[in-house]
């Protein structure tokens, strides 16, 4: 009987060990998933930070809010963060370069009357020299 008793104890110990091992893997998986979700929610913020987004803090706070909405708004945060480019603005054209060109044209139009006066003055001087 001692052989049966030791086999029964081994079977019980083995089953209990498997239960504890399964519990360990379950807890480990839950912890990994928890930290992965927290790491993933910050991706739009990191993109916005890299691109010097003007709404950086709003994207960061919305990322934390997305944790409570089970990441339903997360794809919209990704789009919001990726639309901004430092050189192109919102990605719908090169508005910043156009704005600089318009300012240059505006400065030239402000200088135009003065240049016309100088041109007229030089023409009159040239006419008197002839």
Foldseek 3Di string as FASTA:
>chain_A
DVVVVVVVVVVVVVVVVVVVVVVVVVVVVVVVVVVVLVVVLCVLLVLLVVQVNPCNVVLVVVSVVCVVVVNPCSVVSNLVSVQQHPQQGRVPGRVVVVVVVVVVVVVVVVCVVVVVVVVVVVVVVVVVVD
